[in-house]
Amino acid sequence: MEQNKDKPGATPFAQTYFHGTKGDLKVGDLIATGFNSNYGKRNNAKYIFLSATLDAAIWGAELAFGEGKQRIYLVEPTGPIEDDPDLTDKKFPGNPTKSYRSVHPFRIVGEVIHWQGHPIEQVNVMKNHLAKLKEQGIDSLND
């Protein structure tokens, strides 16, 4: 199957990537660096994150700061991506979570409307774990 060069966008064989957030965005918007991070110290984000698994994106939406609606967007990277070192080299060698980061924007190409979040008990355990790490001075490498 040959890709139509006149029509940019995903092909049926392109890798699907997800981005979980509480941001209210629309198809065509770019998710870019330079805004307050959803995690860690909430500094201006040096990287933006995506995952090839829906589960990792769900965690992103559930753990993001803010009171907005949890959302999962389908995104296309506009430049190179690399393994997220917080979830690969340190915790899960080989990147089984398929979590990545980039300094280049991601274009929103769709939204996953129907998805099942983790049980609230599991989310609270994760939030408590992250709070304990923060108390110990262990923060994200990615702020």
N, C-alpha and C. Protein backbone atom coordinates (compact mmCIF):
# COMPACT_ATOMS: atom_id res chain seq x y z
N MET A 1 0.84 -1.18 0.00
CA MET A 1 0.00 0.00 0.00
C MET A 1 0.88 1.24 0.00
N GLU A 2 0.62 2.14 -0.89
CA GLU A 2 1.42 3.35 -1.02
C GLU A 2 0.72 4.50 -0.30
N GLN A 3 1.49 5.27 0.48
CA GLN A 3 0.93 6.42 1.18
C GLN A 3 0.73 7.57 0.21
N ASN A 4 -0.41 8.24 0.31
CA ASN A 4 -0.69 9.39 -0.52
C ASN A 4 0.11 10.57 0.01
N LYS A 5 1.07 11.05 -0.75
CA LYS A 5 1.98 12.13 -0.33
C LYS A 5 1.25 13.48 -0.25
N ASP A 6 0.09 13.60 -0.91
CA ASP A 6 -0.65 14.86 -0.90
C ASP A 6 -1.51 15.03 0.34
N LYS A 7 -1.75 13.97 1.09
CA LYS A 7 -2.61 14.02 2.27
C LYS A 7 -1.82 13.59 3.49
N PRO A 8 -1.34 14.57 4.29
CA PRO A 8 -0.59 14.20 5.49
C PRO A 8 -1.50 13.55 6.52
N GLY A 9 -0.89 12.81 7.44
CA GLY A 9 -1.66 12.20 8.52
C GLY A 9 -1.30 10.74 8.70
N ALA A 10 -2.00 10.12 9.60
CA ALA A 10 -1.73 8.73 9.93
C ALA A 10 -2.12 7.82 8.78
N THR A 11 -1.38 6.74 8.64
CA THR A 11 -1.73 5.71 7.67
C THR A 11 -2.27 4.52 8.44
N PRO A 12 -2.93 3.60 7.79
CA PRO A 12 -3.46 2.44 8.51
C PRO A 12 -2.38 1.62 9.22
N PHE A 13 -1.11 1.81 8.83
CA PHE A 13 -0.03 1.02 9.42
C PHE A 13 0.86 1.83 10.34
N ALA A 14 0.48 3.05 10.62
CA ALA A 14 1.28 3.91 11.50
C ALA A 14 1.13 3.46 12.96
N GLN A 15 2.18 3.65 13.74
CA GLN A 15 2.13 3.37 15.17
C GLN A 15 1.13 4.32 15.82
N THR A 16 0.28 3.80 16.67
CA THR A 16 -0.66 4.62 17.42
C THR A 16 -0.01 5.05 18.72
N TYR A 17 -0.11 6.34 19.03
CA TYR A 17 0.40 6.87 20.28
C TYR A 17 -0.72 7.59 21.02
N PHE A 18 -0.64 7.55 22.34
CA PHE A 18 -1.65 8.15 23.20
C PHE A 18 -1.00 9.17 24.13
N HIS A 19 -1.79 10.16 24.54
CA HIS A 19 -1.35 11.14 25.53
C HIS A 19 -2.50 11.34 26.51
N GLY A 20 -2.25 11.06 27.80
CA GLY A 20 -3.26 11.23 28.83
C GLY A 20 -3.07 12.55 29.56
N THR A 21 -4.15 13.28 29.78
CA THR A 21 -4.08 14.61 30.38
C THR A 21 -5.44 15.00 30.93
N LYS A 22 -5.51 16.16 31.53
CA LYS A 22 -6.78 16.78 31.89
C LYS A 22 -7.01 18.03 31.06
N GLY A 23 -6.15 18.25 30.07
CA GLY A 23 -6.30 19.40 29.18
C GLY A 23 -7.44 19.22 28.21
N ASP A 24 -8.19 20.27 27.98
CA ASP A 24 -9.31 20.26 27.04
C ASP A 24 -8.80 20.74 25.69
N LEU A 25 -8.49 19.80 24.81
CA LEU A 25 -7.88 20.11 23.52
C LEU A 25 -8.76 19.58 22.39
N LYS A 26 -8.39 19.91 21.16
CA LYS A 26 -9.18 19.42 20.03
C LYS A 26 -8.26 18.91 18.92
N VAL A 27 -8.85 18.16 18.01
CA VAL A 27 -8.10 17.61 16.88
C VAL A 27 -7.43 18.76 16.13
N GLY A 28 -6.15 18.56 15.83
CA GLY A 28 -5.35 19.56 15.14
C GLY A 28 -4.47 20.37 16.07
N ASP A 29 -4.84 20.45 17.37
CA ASP A 29 -4.01 21.17 18.33
C ASP A 29 -2.66 20.49 18.48
N LEU A 30 -1.67 21.28 18.87
CA LEU A 30 -0.34 20.76 19.17
C LEU A 30 -0.13 20.76 20.68
N ILE A 31 0.40 19.68 21.19
CA ILE A 31 0.84 19.60 22.58
C ILE A 31 2.33 19.86 22.54
N ALA A 32 2.77 20.91 23.25
CA ALA A 32 4.16 21.34 23.13
C ALA A 32 4.79 21.56 24.50
N THR A 33 6.11 21.67 24.51
CA THR A 33 6.85 21.98 25.73
C THR A 33 6.65 23.44 26.09
N GLY A 34 7.15 23.80 27.29
CA GLY A 34 7.11 25.20 27.70
C GLY A 34 5.97 25.57 28.61
N PHE A 35 5.03 24.66 28.83
CA PHE A 35 3.92 24.90 29.73
C PHE A 35 4.20 24.18 31.05
N ASN A 36 3.45 24.51 32.10
CA ASN A 36 3.65 23.82 33.38
C ASN A 36 3.39 22.33 33.21
N SER A 37 4.30 21.55 33.75
CA SER A 37 4.18 20.09 33.70
C SER A 37 2.97 19.63 34.51
N ASN A 38 2.39 18.52 34.12
CA ASN A 38 1.29 17.91 34.88
C ASN A 38 1.79 17.14 36.09
N TYR A 39 3.10 17.04 36.26
CA TYR A 39 3.66 16.16 37.29
C TYR A 39 4.85 16.82 37.97
N GLY A 40 5.38 16.15 38.98
CA GLY A 40 6.61 16.60 39.64
C GLY A 40 6.47 17.97 40.26
N LYS A 41 7.44 18.82 39.97
CA LYS A 41 7.48 20.16 40.57
C LYS A 41 6.63 21.18 39.81
N ARG A 42 5.98 20.75 38.73
CA ARG A 42 5.12 21.61 37.91
C ARG A 42 5.90 22.70 37.20
N ASN A 43 7.20 22.48 37.00
CA ASN A 43 8.03 23.44 36.26
C ASN A 43 7.60 23.47 34.80
N ASN A 44 8.11 24.45 34.06
CA ASN A 44 7.88 24.44 32.63
C ASN A 44 8.44 23.13 32.07
N ALA A 45 7.61 22.43 31.34
CA ALA A 45 7.98 21.10 30.84
C ALA A 45 9.08 21.19 29.79
N LYS A 46 10.16 20.43 30.00
CA LYS A 46 11.22 20.33 29.01
C LYS A 46 10.86 19.29 27.94
N TYR A 47 10.02 18.34 28.34
CA TYR A 47 9.62 17.26 27.45
C TYR A 47 8.10 17.12 27.50
N ILE A 48 7.57 16.50 26.47
CA ILE A 48 6.19 16.05 26.48
C ILE A 48 6.21 14.55 26.28
N PHE A 49 5.13 13.90 26.70
CA PHE A 49 5.14 12.45 26.82
C PHE A 49 4.01 11.80 26.04
N LEU A 50 4.27 10.62 25.56
CA LEU A 50 3.27 9.81 24.89
C LEU A 50 3.58 8.36 25.14
N SER A 51 2.62 7.52 24.85
CA SER A 51 2.78 6.09 25.07
C SER A 51 2.14 5.33 23.92
N ALA A 52 2.67 4.17 23.65
CA ALA A 52 2.06 3.29 22.66
C ALA A 52 1.05 2.36 23.31
N THR A 53 0.84 2.50 24.65
CA THR A 53 -0.18 1.68 25.32
C THR A 53 -1.25 2.58 25.92
N LEU A 54 -2.49 2.15 25.79
CA LEU A 54 -3.60 2.90 26.36
C LEU A 54 -3.50 2.94 27.88
N ASP A 55 -3.05 1.86 28.50
CA ASP A 55 -2.95 1.81 29.96
C ASP A 55 -2.03 2.91 30.49
N ALA A 56 -0.88 3.11 29.89
CA ALA A 56 0.03 4.17 30.35
C ALA A 56 -0.60 5.54 30.17
N ALA A 57 -1.34 5.75 29.10
CA ALA A 57 -2.01 7.04 28.89
C ALA A 57 -3.11 7.25 29.92
N ILE A 58 -3.80 6.18 30.30
CA ILE A 58 -4.82 6.29 31.34
C ILE A 58 -4.18 6.74 32.64
N TRP A 59 -3.03 6.16 32.99
CA TRP A 59 -2.31 6.61 34.19
C TRP A 59 -1.96 8.09 34.07
N GLY A 60 -1.53 8.52 32.90
CA GLY A 60 -1.21 9.93 32.70
C GLY A 60 -2.40 10.83 32.98
N ALA A 61 -3.56 10.45 32.50
CA ALA A 61 -4.77 11.24 32.72
C ALA A 61 -5.17 11.22 34.20
N GLU A 62 -5.07 10.06 34.83
CA GLU A 62 -5.50 9.92 36.22
C GLU A 62 -4.58 10.65 37.20
N LEU A 63 -3.30 10.72 36.88
CA LEU A 63 -2.33 11.32 37.81
C LEU A 63 -2.02 12.78 37.51
N ALA A 64 -2.55 13.31 36.43
CA ALA A 64 -2.29 14.71 36.07
C ALA A 64 -2.90 15.65 37.10
N PHE A 65 -2.21 16.77 37.37
CA PHE A 65 -2.74 17.80 38.26
C PHE A 65 -3.98 18.43 37.65
N GLY A 66 -4.79 18.99 38.47
CA GLY A 66 -5.94 19.74 37.98
C GLY A 66 -7.25 19.03 38.24
N GLU A 67 -8.31 19.76 37.99
CA GLU A 67 -9.65 19.25 38.24
C GLU A 67 -10.41 18.97 36.94
N GLY A 68 -9.79 19.17 35.81
CA GLY A 68 -10.46 18.97 34.53
C GLY A 68 -10.81 17.52 34.27
N LYS A 69 -11.57 17.31 33.22
CA LYS A 69 -11.95 15.97 32.79
C LYS A 69 -10.71 15.21 32.33
N GLN A 70 -10.61 13.96 32.72
CA GLN A 70 -9.51 13.11 32.26
C GLN A 70 -9.75 12.76 30.79
N ARG A 71 -8.71 12.96 29.98
CA ARG A 71 -8.85 12.72 28.55
C ARG A 71 -7.66 11.92 28.02
N ILE A 72 -7.94 11.15 26.99
CA ILE A 72 -6.91 10.39 26.27
C ILE A 72 -6.98 10.82 24.81
N TYR A 73 -5.87 11.37 24.33
CA TYR A 73 -5.80 11.81 22.94
C TYR A 73 -4.91 10.87 22.13
N LEU A 74 -5.27 10.68 20.87
CA LEU A 74 -4.41 10.01 19.90
C LEU A 74 -3.52 11.11 19.32
N VAL A 75 -2.22 10.87 19.32
CA VAL A 75 -1.29 11.91 18.88
C VAL A 75 -0.28 11.37 17.88
N GLU A 76 0.24 12.29 17.07
CA GLU A 76 1.33 11.99 16.14
C GLU A 76 2.53 12.85 16.53
N PRO A 77 3.69 12.25 16.73
CA PRO A 77 4.89 13.05 16.98
C PRO A 77 5.24 13.85 15.72
N THR A 78 5.75 15.06 15.93
CA THR A 78 6.19 15.87 14.78
C THR A 78 7.71 15.81 14.62
N GLY A 79 8.38 15.09 15.53
CA GLY A 79 9.83 14.94 15.48
C GLY A 79 10.22 13.66 16.20
N PRO A 80 11.51 13.47 16.42
CA PRO A 80 11.98 12.25 17.08
C PRO A 80 11.44 12.10 18.50
N ILE A 81 11.27 10.84 18.92
CA ILE A 81 10.90 10.52 20.29
C ILE A 81 11.98 9.60 20.86
N GLU A 82 12.04 9.54 22.21
CA GLU A 82 13.01 8.67 22.88
C GLU A 82 12.34 8.02 24.08
N ASP A 83 12.91 6.93 24.57
CA ASP A 83 12.38 6.27 25.76
C ASP A 83 12.31 7.26 26.92
N ASP A 84 11.24 7.19 27.72
CA ASP A 84 11.11 7.99 28.93
C ASP A 84 11.99 7.36 30.00
N PRO A 85 13.08 8.01 30.42
CA PRO A 85 14.01 7.38 31.36
C PRO A 85 13.41 7.10 32.74
N ASP A 86 12.37 7.85 33.14
CA ASP A 86 11.73 7.57 34.43
C ASP A 86 11.04 6.21 34.43
N LEU A 87 10.57 5.78 33.27
CA LEU A 87 9.81 4.53 33.22
C LEU A 87 10.55 3.41 32.52
N THR A 88 11.75 3.66 32.06
CA THR A 88 12.47 2.61 31.35
C THR A 88 13.76 2.26 32.08
N ASP A 89 14.79 3.03 31.89
CA ASP A 89 16.11 2.69 32.42
C ASP A 89 16.09 2.44 33.93
N LYS A 90 15.33 3.23 34.67
CA LYS A 90 15.34 3.12 36.13
C LYS A 90 14.42 2.02 36.65
N LYS A 91 13.25 1.88 36.04
CA LYS A 91 12.24 1.01 36.62
C LYS A 91 11.91 -0.23 35.79
N PHE A 92 11.86 -0.08 34.50
CA PHE A 92 11.40 -1.17 33.63
C PHE A 92 12.33 -1.32 32.44
N PRO A 93 13.48 -1.95 32.59
CA PRO A 93 14.42 -2.10 31.46
C PRO A 93 13.72 -2.68 30.23
N GLY A 94 14.04 -2.10 29.10
CA GLY A 94 13.47 -2.57 27.85
C GLY A 94 12.21 -1.84 27.43
N ASN A 95 11.71 -0.92 28.25
CA ASN A 95 10.53 -0.10 27.96
C ASN A 95 9.26 -0.92 27.69
N PRO A 96 8.88 -1.83 28.60
CA PRO A 96 7.64 -2.58 28.38
C PRO A 96 6.39 -1.70 28.46
N THR A 97 6.50 -0.53 29.10
CA THR A 97 5.35 0.39 29.17
C THR A 97 5.18 1.16 27.85
N LYS A 98 6.18 1.07 26.98
CA LYS A 98 6.16 1.79 25.70
C LYS A 98 5.89 3.28 25.92
N SER A 99 6.63 3.86 26.88
CA SER A 99 6.51 5.26 27.23
C SER A 99 7.67 6.04 26.64
N TYR A 100 7.35 7.18 26.04
CA TYR A 100 8.34 7.96 25.32
C TYR A 100 8.20 9.44 25.67
N ARG A 101 9.24 10.21 25.31
CA ARG A 101 9.21 11.65 25.49
C ARG A 101 9.83 12.31 24.26
N SER A 102 9.58 13.62 24.14
CA SER A 102 10.13 14.38 23.03
C SER A 102 10.17 15.85 23.38
N VAL A 103 11.04 16.59 22.72
CA VAL A 103 11.04 18.04 22.81
C VAL A 103 10.21 18.63 21.67
N HIS A 104 9.78 17.79 20.74
CA HIS A 104 8.99 18.21 19.59
C HIS A 104 7.50 18.04 19.88
N PRO A 105 6.66 18.92 19.34
CA PRO A 105 5.22 18.84 19.62
C PRO A 105 4.60 17.54 19.11
N PHE A 106 3.43 17.22 19.68
CA PHE A 106 2.58 16.13 19.20
C PHE A 106 1.31 16.76 18.66
N ARG A 107 0.87 16.30 17.51
CA ARG A 107 -0.38 16.77 16.93
C ARG A 107 -1.51 15.82 17.35
N ILE A 108 -2.58 16.40 17.84
CA ILE A 108 -3.75 15.59 18.21
C ILE A 108 -4.50 15.21 16.94
N VAL A 109 -4.69 13.90 16.77
CA VAL A 109 -5.40 13.40 15.59
C VAL A 109 -6.72 12.75 15.95
N GLY A 110 -7.00 12.60 17.25
CA GLY A 110 -8.25 12.02 17.69
C GLY A 110 -8.32 11.95 19.20
N GLU A 111 -9.45 11.52 19.71
CA GLU A 111 -9.62 11.34 21.15
C GLU A 111 -10.28 9.99 21.40
N VAL A 112 -9.79 9.28 22.41
CA VAL A 112 -10.42 8.03 22.84
C VAL A 112 -11.54 8.43 23.79
N ILE A 113 -12.76 8.24 23.38
CA ILE A 113 -13.91 8.68 24.17
C ILE A 113 -14.29 7.66 25.24
N HIS A 114 -14.28 6.40 24.89
CA HIS A 114 -14.70 5.35 25.82
C HIS A 114 -13.49 4.56 26.29
N TRP A 115 -13.15 4.70 27.58
CA TRP A 115 -12.05 3.95 28.16
C TRP A 115 -12.35 3.73 29.63
N GLN A 116 -11.77 2.70 30.17
CA GLN A 116 -12.00 2.33 31.57
C GLN A 116 -10.80 2.72 32.40
N GLY A 117 -11.02 3.57 33.40
CA GLY A 117 -9.95 3.95 34.31
C GLY A 117 -9.63 2.85 35.29
N HIS A 118 -8.56 3.05 36.03
CA HIS A 118 -8.17 2.10 37.07
C HIS A 118 -9.11 2.26 38.27
N PRO A 119 -9.29 1.22 39.08
CA PRO A 119 -10.11 1.35 40.28
C PRO A 119 -9.54 2.46 41.18
N ILE A 120 -10.42 3.23 41.81
CA ILE A 120 -10.00 4.38 42.62
C ILE A 120 -9.00 3.97 43.70
N GLU A 121 -9.15 2.79 44.24
CA GLU A 121 -8.22 2.30 45.26
C GLU A 121 -6.81 2.20 44.68
N GLN A 122 -6.71 1.70 43.46
CA GLN A 122 -5.41 1.55 42.80
C GLN A 122 -4.81 2.92 42.49
N VAL A 123 -5.63 3.87 42.07
CA VAL A 123 -5.16 5.23 41.79
C VAL A 123 -4.64 5.87 43.08
N ASN A 124 -5.38 5.68 44.17
CA ASN A 124 -4.96 6.26 45.46
C ASN A 124 -3.65 5.66 45.94
N VAL A 125 -3.45 4.36 45.75
CA VAL A 125 -2.18 3.72 46.11
C VAL A 125 -1.04 4.33 45.31
N MET A 126 -1.25 4.54 44.02
CA MET A 126 -0.21 5.15 43.17
C MET A 126 0.07 6.59 43.62
N LYS A 127 -0.97 7.35 43.90
CA LYS A 127 -0.77 8.74 44.35
C LYS A 127 -0.02 8.78 45.68
N ASN A 128 -0.34 7.88 46.59
CA ASN A 128 0.37 7.81 47.88
C ASN A 128 1.83 7.44 47.67
N HIS A 129 2.09 6.51 46.77
CA HIS A 129 3.47 6.11 46.46
C HIS A 129 4.26 7.29 45.90
N LEU A 130 3.65 8.04 44.98
CA LEU A 130 4.32 9.20 44.40
C LEU A 130 4.57 10.28 45.45
N ALA A 131 3.62 10.46 46.39
CA ALA A 131 3.80 11.43 47.46
C ALA A 131 4.97 11.04 48.36
N LYS A 132 5.10 9.73 48.64
CA LYS A 132 6.22 9.26 49.48
C LYS A 132 7.56 9.49 48.78
N LEU A 133 7.60 9.24 47.48
CA LEU A 133 8.83 9.50 46.72
C LEU A 133 9.18 10.98 46.77
N LYS A 134 8.18 11.84 46.64
CA LYS A 134 8.42 13.28 46.69
C LYS A 134 8.97 13.69 48.05
N GLU A 135 8.40 13.11 49.14
CA GLU A 135 8.91 13.41 50.50
C GLU A 135 10.35 12.99 50.66
N GLN A 136 10.76 11.96 49.94
CA GLN A 136 12.15 11.47 50.00
C GLN A 136 13.05 12.26 49.06
N GLY A 137 12.50 13.24 48.36
CA GLY A 137 13.29 14.04 47.44
C GLY A 137 13.50 13.40 46.08
N ILE A 138 12.74 12.35 45.80
CA ILE A 138 12.85 11.67 44.51
C ILE A 138 11.75 12.21 43.60
N ASP A 139 12.16 13.01 42.63
CA ASP A 139 11.22 13.59 41.68
C ASP A 139 11.55 13.10 40.28
N SER A 140 10.68 13.43 39.38
CA SER A 140 10.85 13.04 38.00
C SER A 140 12.13 13.62 37.41
N LEU A 141 12.78 12.84 36.56
CA LEU A 141 13.92 13.32 35.79
C LEU A 141 13.46 14.29 34.69
N ASN A 142 12.18 14.29 34.44
CA ASN A 142 11.68 14.93 33.25
C ASN A 142 11.10 16.32 33.45
N ASP A 143 11.23 16.89 34.63
CA ASP A 143 10.66 18.23 34.85
C ASP A 143 11.37 19.27 34.03
